[in-house]
Protein backbone atom coordinates (compact mmCIF):
# COMPACT_ATOMS: atom_id res chain seq x y z
CA MET A 1 -16.04 16.69 -10.47
CA THR A 2 -13.34 14.54 -9.00
CA ALA A 3 -12.65 11.31 -11.03
CA SER A 4 -11.24 8.14 -9.35
CA ALA A 5 -7.94 6.94 -10.36
CA GLY A 6 -10.32 4.25 -11.96
CA GLU A 7 -10.63 6.49 -15.33
CA ARG A 8 -7.91 6.77 -17.55
CA PRO A 9 -7.94 10.16 -18.70
CA GLY A 10 -7.38 10.11 -23.26
CA ARG A 11 -8.73 6.75 -23.59
CA ARG A 12 -11.85 4.83 -23.67
CA ASN A 13 -12.68 3.32 -20.76
CA ASN A 14 -14.29 -0.27 -21.95
CA GLY A 15 -14.85 -1.25 -18.26
CA ALA A 16 -13.01 -3.66 -17.92
CA PRO A 17 -10.72 -3.63 -14.53
CA ARG A 18 -7.37 -2.40 -14.19
CA VAL A 19 -4.67 -4.47 -11.34
CA VAL A 20 -2.21 -2.68 -9.31
CA VAL A 21 -0.45 -5.43 -7.66
CA THR A 22 1.37 -3.82 -4.52
CA ALA A 23 3.57 -6.14 -2.45
CA ASP A 24 3.89 -4.39 1.29
CA ASP A 25 6.88 -4.09 3.83
CA PHE A 26 9.69 -3.74 1.33
CA GLY A 27 12.47 -2.68 3.71
CA LEU A 28 11.08 -5.41 6.35
CA SER A 29 14.04 -7.82 6.35
CA SER A 30 16.43 -9.25 3.61
CA GLY A 31 14.12 -12.09 3.57
CA VAL A 32 11.26 -10.11 2.48
CA ASN A 33 13.29 -7.71 -0.18
CA GLU A 34 14.54 -10.82 -1.55
CA GLY A 35 10.64 -12.65 -1.54
CA ILE A 36 9.03 -9.27 -3.59
CA VAL A 37 12.09 -9.34 -5.91
CA VAL A 38 10.69 -12.46 -6.86
CA ALA A 39 7.64 -11.96 -7.09
CA SER A 40 7.96 -9.06 -9.44
CA ARG A 41 10.70 -11.28 -11.86
CA ARG A 42 8.42 -14.71 -11.57
CA GLY A 43 5.31 -13.40 -10.82
CA ILE A 44 2.47 -10.36 -11.21
CA VAL A 45 3.92 -7.75 -8.82
CA ARG A 46 4.62 -4.34 -10.53
CA ASN A 47 5.07 -2.13 -6.91
CA ALA A 48 6.53 -2.25 -3.66
CA ALA A 49 5.41 -0.38 -0.81
CA LEU A 50 8.79 0.87 1.33
CA LEU A 51 9.00 1.32 5.05
CA VAL A 52 11.57 3.33 5.56
CA ASN A 53 12.22 3.37 9.74
CA PHE A 54 14.17 0.78 9.58
CA PRO A 55 18.02 0.80 10.19
CA ASP A 56 18.99 -1.47 7.36
CA VAL A 57 16.82 0.79 5.00
CA ALA A 58 20.14 1.90 2.82
CA ALA A 59 20.20 -1.67 2.01
CA SER A 60 17.03 -1.92 0.83
CA VAL A 61 16.53 0.40 -1.03
CA ALA A 62 19.59 -0.98 -2.83
CA CYS A 63 18.25 -4.05 -3.66
CA LEU A 64 15.01 -1.88 -4.72
CA ARG A 65 17.73 -0.21 -7.32
CA ASP A 66 18.87 -3.92 -7.93
CA ALA A 67 15.69 -5.22 -9.05
CA GLY A 68 15.28 -3.10 -11.76
CA ASP A 69 11.66 -1.43 -12.48
CA LEU A 70 10.10 -1.88 -9.62
CA ASP A 71 7.27 1.07 -9.15
CA VAL A 72 7.95 2.27 -5.63
CA GLY A 73 5.68 4.03 -2.77
CA ILE A 74 6.28 5.18 0.95
CA HIS A 75 4.27 2.85 3.11
CA LEU A 76 4.34 4.97 6.05
CA ASN A 77 4.63 3.07 9.52
CA LEU A 78 3.45 4.09 12.76
CA THR A 79 3.17 0.92 14.47
CA GLY A 80 6.30 -1.04 14.19
CA GLY A 81 9.62 -0.69 14.92
CA PRO A 82 11.57 2.83 15.47
CA PRO A 83 11.02 6.18 14.61
CA VAL A 84 12.90 8.23 12.17
CA SER A 85 12.69 11.50 13.89
CA ARG A 86 14.49 11.54 17.29
CA ARG A 87 12.68 10.35 19.97
CA ASP A 88 12.34 13.62 21.90
CA GLN A 89 10.43 14.88 19.00
CA VAL A 90 7.71 12.08 19.02
CA PRO A 91 6.84 11.16 22.46
CA SER A 92 3.68 10.66 22.53
CA LEU A 93 3.63 7.94 19.26
CA LEU A 94 6.37 5.93 21.25
CA GLY A 95 6.48 2.95 23.84
CA LYS A 96 8.91 2.61 26.59
CA ASP A 97 11.14 0.87 24.54
CA GLY A 98 11.25 4.05 22.49
CA GLY A 99 9.82 2.04 19.35
CA PHE A 100 6.23 2.62 18.05
CA PRO A 101 4.38 0.19 20.20
CA GLY A 102 1.86 -1.52 17.49
CA LEU A 103 -1.36 -0.80 16.44
CA ARG A 104 -3.79 -1.41 19.45
CA GLY A 105 -1.31 0.69 21.61
CA PHE A 106 -1.61 3.43 18.47
CA LEU A 107 -5.43 3.00 18.35
CA ALA A 108 -5.86 3.04 21.86
CA ARG A 109 -3.86 6.48 22.45
CA ALA A 110 -5.62 7.49 19.71
CA ALA A 111 -8.69 7.03 21.65
CA LEU A 112 -7.45 8.22 24.80
CA GLY A 113 -6.39 11.52 23.10
CA ARG A 114 -2.88 10.62 24.11
CA ILE A 115 -2.05 11.49 20.44
CA ARG A 116 -0.20 14.67 19.41
CA TRP A 117 -1.30 14.97 15.70
CA GLY A 118 1.93 17.41 15.02
CA GLU A 119 4.04 14.69 15.83
CA VAL A 120 2.55 12.14 13.60
CA ARG A 121 2.99 15.04 10.89
CA ARG A 122 6.44 15.20 12.20
CA GLU A 123 7.26 11.45 11.89
CA CYS A 124 5.24 11.17 8.26
CA GLU A 125 7.28 13.77 6.93
CA ALA A 126 10.10 12.65 8.36
CA GLN A 127 9.80 9.17 6.94
CA ILE A 128 9.24 10.58 3.18
CA GLU A 129 11.73 12.81 3.09
CA LEU A 130 14.62 9.95 4.08
CA GLY A 131 13.62 7.96 1.19
CA ASN A 132 13.70 11.00 -1.23
CA ARG A 133 17.30 11.50 -0.12
CA LEU A 134 18.08 7.82 -0.38
CA GLY A 135 16.80 8.74 -4.24
CA CYS A 136 13.27 7.20 -4.11
CA HIS A 137 10.59 8.60 -6.00
CA PHE A 138 7.49 7.82 -4.58
CA SER A 139 4.13 7.24 -7.15
CA SER A 140 1.85 6.39 -4.07
CA ILE A 141 1.16 6.98 0.08
CA SER A 142 -0.03 4.05 1.67
CA SER A 143 0.63 2.85 5.35
CA HIS A 144 1.58 -0.18 7.44
CA GLN A 145 -1.82 -1.65 8.82
CA HIS A 146 -3.77 1.09 6.89
CA VAL A 147 -3.68 3.98 10.01
CA HIS A 148 -3.76 6.37 6.94
CA MET A 149 -7.07 5.36 6.83
CA LEU A 150 -8.26 6.66 10.17
CA PRO A 151 -10.12 10.30 9.93
CA PRO A 152 -7.74 12.26 11.80
CA LEU A 153 -4.75 10.96 9.28
CA ALA A 154 -6.66 10.91 6.09
CA GLY A 155 -6.67 14.69 5.97
CA LEU A 156 -2.86 14.58 6.60
CA THR A 157 -2.07 11.91 4.30
CA ALA A 158 -3.84 14.11 1.13
CA MET A 159 -2.00 17.21 2.79
CA LEU A 160 1.48 14.86 1.90
CA ALA A 161 0.52 13.82 -1.10
CA ARG A 162 0.14 17.13 -2.49
CA SER A 163 3.06 18.47 -0.53
CA TYR A 164 5.15 16.18 -1.75
CA GLY A 165 3.78 15.66 -5.71
CA ILE A 166 3.31 11.75 -4.71
CA PRO A 167 0.17 11.63 -7.06
CA VAL A 168 -1.81 8.60 -5.32
CA VAL A 169 -2.97 7.39 -2.18
CA ARG A 170 -3.94 4.06 -1.11
CA LEU A 171 -7.63 3.66 -0.74
CA SER A 172 -8.09 0.95 1.84
CA ARG A 173 -11.40 -0.10 0.75
CA TYR A 174 -11.86 -3.92 0.52
CA HIS A 175 -14.16 -5.03 -2.29
CA ALA A 176 -16.23 -8.22 -0.93
CA ALA A 177 -15.94 -10.99 -4.04
CA GLY A 178 -15.38 -14.33 -2.54
CA GLY A 179 -14.15 -12.81 0.25
CA VAL A 180 -10.62 -12.01 -1.00
CA GLY A 181 -8.85 -9.63 1.77
CA PRO A 182 -8.43 -9.56 5.27
CA ARG A 183 -10.61 -10.97 8.07
CA ARG A 184 -13.96 -10.08 8.34
CA PHE A 185 -13.92 -7.82 11.06
CA LYS A 186 -10.91 -5.96 9.52
CA ARG A 187 -12.86 -5.31 6.32
CA TRP A 188 -16.19 -3.85 8.24
CA ALA A 189 -13.87 -1.80 10.91
CA LEU A 190 -11.82 0.08 7.43
CA PHE A 191 -14.86 -0.03 5.25
CA PRO A 192 -16.47 3.42 7.15
CA CYS A 193 -12.93 4.98 7.18
CA ALA A 194 -12.62 4.43 3.36
CA LEU A 195 -15.56 5.80 2.91
CA ALA A 196 -14.62 9.04 4.79
CA ALA A 197 -11.25 9.18 3.23
CA ARG A 198 -12.27 8.84 0.13
CA GLY A 199 -14.48 11.87 0.43
CA ILE A 200 -11.36 13.88 1.65
CA LEU A 201 -9.01 12.81 -1.22
CA ARG A 202 -11.56 13.75 -3.94
CA ARG A 203 -12.05 17.19 -2.50
CA GLN A 204 -8.40 17.52 -1.95
CA GLY A 205 -7.74 16.42 -5.80
CA VAL A 206 -5.94 13.38 -4.73
CA LEU A 207 -5.53 10.42 -6.83
CA HIS A 208 -6.98 6.92 -5.56
CA ASN A 209 -7.61 3.56 -6.46
CA ASP A 210 -11.19 2.22 -6.50
CA TYR A 211 -11.07 -0.56 -4.17
CA LEU A 212 -8.41 -3.00 -2.72
CA LEU A 213 -8.32 -7.12 -2.77
CA GLY A 214 -5.81 -9.33 -0.42
CA LEU A 215 -5.11 -12.94 -0.60
CA LEU A 216 -6.58 -15.12 2.02
CA PRO A 217 -5.13 -16.13 4.76
CA ALA A 218 -5.29 -20.09 3.95
CA SER A 219 -3.07 -22.53 2.23
CA ALA A 220 -1.76 -21.64 -1.35
CA GLU A 221 -4.21 -23.66 -3.05
CA ARG A 222 -7.32 -21.97 -1.26
CA ALA A 223 -5.65 -19.06 -1.74
CA LEU A 224 -5.10 -19.34 -5.17
CA ALA A 225 -8.42 -20.78 -5.92
CA GLY A 226 -9.88 -17.65 -3.97
CA LEU A 227 -7.87 -15.00 -5.74
CA CYS A 228 -8.82 -16.40 -9.75
CA ALA A 229 -12.34 -16.40 -8.49
CA ALA A 230 -12.30 -12.99 -7.26
CA ILE A 231 -10.51 -11.81 -10.35
CA GLN A 232 -12.95 -13.53 -12.67
CA GLY A 233 -15.85 -10.86 -10.91
CA LEU A 234 -14.02 -7.91 -10.45
CA PRO A 235 -16.11 -4.64 -11.80
CA GLY A 236 -14.95 -1.98 -13.80
CA GLY A 237 -12.29 0.26 -12.18
CA LEU A 238 -8.84 0.09 -10.38
CA CYS A 239 -8.49 -2.58 -7.94
CA GLU A 240 -5.14 -2.77 -6.04
CA LEU A 241 -4.18 -6.47 -4.98
CA VAL A 242 -2.32 -5.34 -1.87
CA CYS A 243 -0.04 -8.32 -0.69
CA HIS A 244 2.71 -9.48 1.76
CA PRO A 245 5.25 -12.18 -0.28
CA GLY A 246 8.67 -12.92 1.42
CA HIS A 247 11.49 -15.14 2.69
CA VAL A 248 11.10 -16.03 6.59
CA ASP A 249 14.37 -15.19 7.96
CA SER A 250 15.65 -14.00 11.20
CA THR A 251 14.93 -9.91 11.09
CA LEU A 252 11.55 -10.65 10.04
CA ARG A 253 11.26 -13.09 13.05
CA GLN A 254 12.09 -10.46 15.31
CA ARG A 255 9.87 -7.41 13.60
CA ASP A 256 6.47 -9.39 12.35
CA GLY A 257 4.43 -11.93 13.11
CA TYR A 258 3.25 -12.63 9.76
CA THR A 259 5.78 -15.12 9.02
CA ALA A 260 4.95 -18.20 6.91
CA GLY A 261 1.64 -16.66 5.35
CA ARG A 262 4.14 -14.69 3.16
CA ILE A 263 5.58 -17.52 1.36
CA VAL A 264 2.27 -18.79 0.79
CA GLU A 265 1.42 -15.21 -1.07
CA LEU A 266 4.86 -15.62 -2.87
CA ASP A 267 3.38 -19.00 -3.96
CA VAL A 268 0.38 -17.72 -5.17
CA LEU A 269 1.73 -14.69 -6.64
CA THR A 270 4.17 -16.38 -9.03
CA ALA A 271 1.82 -19.37 -10.04
CA PRO A 272 1.30 -19.67 -13.50
CA GLN A 273 -2.85 -20.12 -13.08
CA LEU A 274 -2.75 -16.46 -11.69
CA CYS A 275 -1.64 -15.32 -15.15
CA ALA A 276 -3.91 -17.39 -16.91
CA ALA A 277 -7.36 -16.02 -14.93
CA LEU A 278 -5.61 -12.45 -15.32
CA ARG A 279 -5.50 -12.61 -19.03
CA THR A 280 -9.19 -14.99 -19.16
CA ALA A 281 -10.86 -11.91 -17.33
CA GLY A 282 -9.04 -9.24 -19.49
CA VAL A 283 -7.22 -7.52 -17.14
CA GLU A 284 -4.84 -5.12 -17.71
CA LEU A 285 -1.75 -4.81 -15.11
CA THR A 286 -0.57 -1.47 -14.68
CA THR A 287 1.21 0.44 -12.34
CA TYR A 288 0.66 3.69 -9.94
CA ARG A 289 3.34 5.32 -12.06
CA ASP A 290 2.26 4.35 -14.82
CA LEU A 291 -1.60 6.26 -14.10
CA ALA A 292 -0.01 9.31 -13.05
CA ALA A 293 1.82 9.75 -16.36
CA ASP A 294 -1.61 9.20 -18.11
CA ARG A 295 -3.12 11.91 -15.84
CA ARG A 296 0.06 14.32 -17.05
CA ILE A 297 -0.36 13.46 -20.76
CA ALA A 298 -4.26 14.44 -20.27
CA GLY A 299 -3.65 17.70 -18.81
CA ARG A 300 -5.26 16.66 -15.45
CA PRO A 301 -2.32 16.05 -12.74
CA ASP A 302 -4.55 16.75 -9.76
CA GLY A 303 -6.91 13.50 -10.66
CA THR A 304 -9.92 15.91 -11.94
CA ARG A 305 -11.32 15.45 -15.15
CA GLU A 306 -14.13 18.30 -16.77
CA ARG A 307 -17.66 18.21 -16.19
């Protein structure tokens, strides 16, 4: 029987939730990078999900290295910016400008059968291998805008995890506590994809979280209150809190539409009230790197448990 990552082998599970706090989009701009570093030094962020397909990726990896002990996952990107592969190797993924055409463009092409999935695999492998060449040791796989949850991609992602020795794949299944997370339509659109992906990951013996939390798209006060309330009601298992802190700069404005909300998220993630809420709820902060080490110590590196 395959276990979710929410059960720690070799230790008694008292039912208390554990939370991996991941800041997505490291590598999107220097302002975003700096904001994530602040959120790790002054707040609760312990993981960063790295985008490698932008031209300044080497500077981003150097910033990660200077940040200290941040755990790092690969944030596969098929919906924004340029490809890592040569453009003539992945033409079905690109728009007229030679870059990825955005989430709507990707979904439209997939629905019309215009995506060549061999090209998707080639680009994903190229992104992981570029990160490896730059010295990154990835502990998890996620994707920009959750595209790895799509049925054609979930199996590919599991295969990539096993091929490259990356122990964890993010399961984009949002927990409904307090309505915290993306807007309701996005949550429900992801739900059936996440259920199918969970089955694929378990069959492949790939570790995954049990559910996700996000932050309300609101003022810092409302977002903080909503997150603190959600933390008090978390079930047991492993939750990944996905966040997008950052400072706004001109590069971010050129590359992404989500700007001012990143400042709000940074304020929430560094708020003393949030640390207090985690302590009150008995939540243990952890990282995917530590979870993978626990699996190895328990002698079951494939994420399975004895019957």
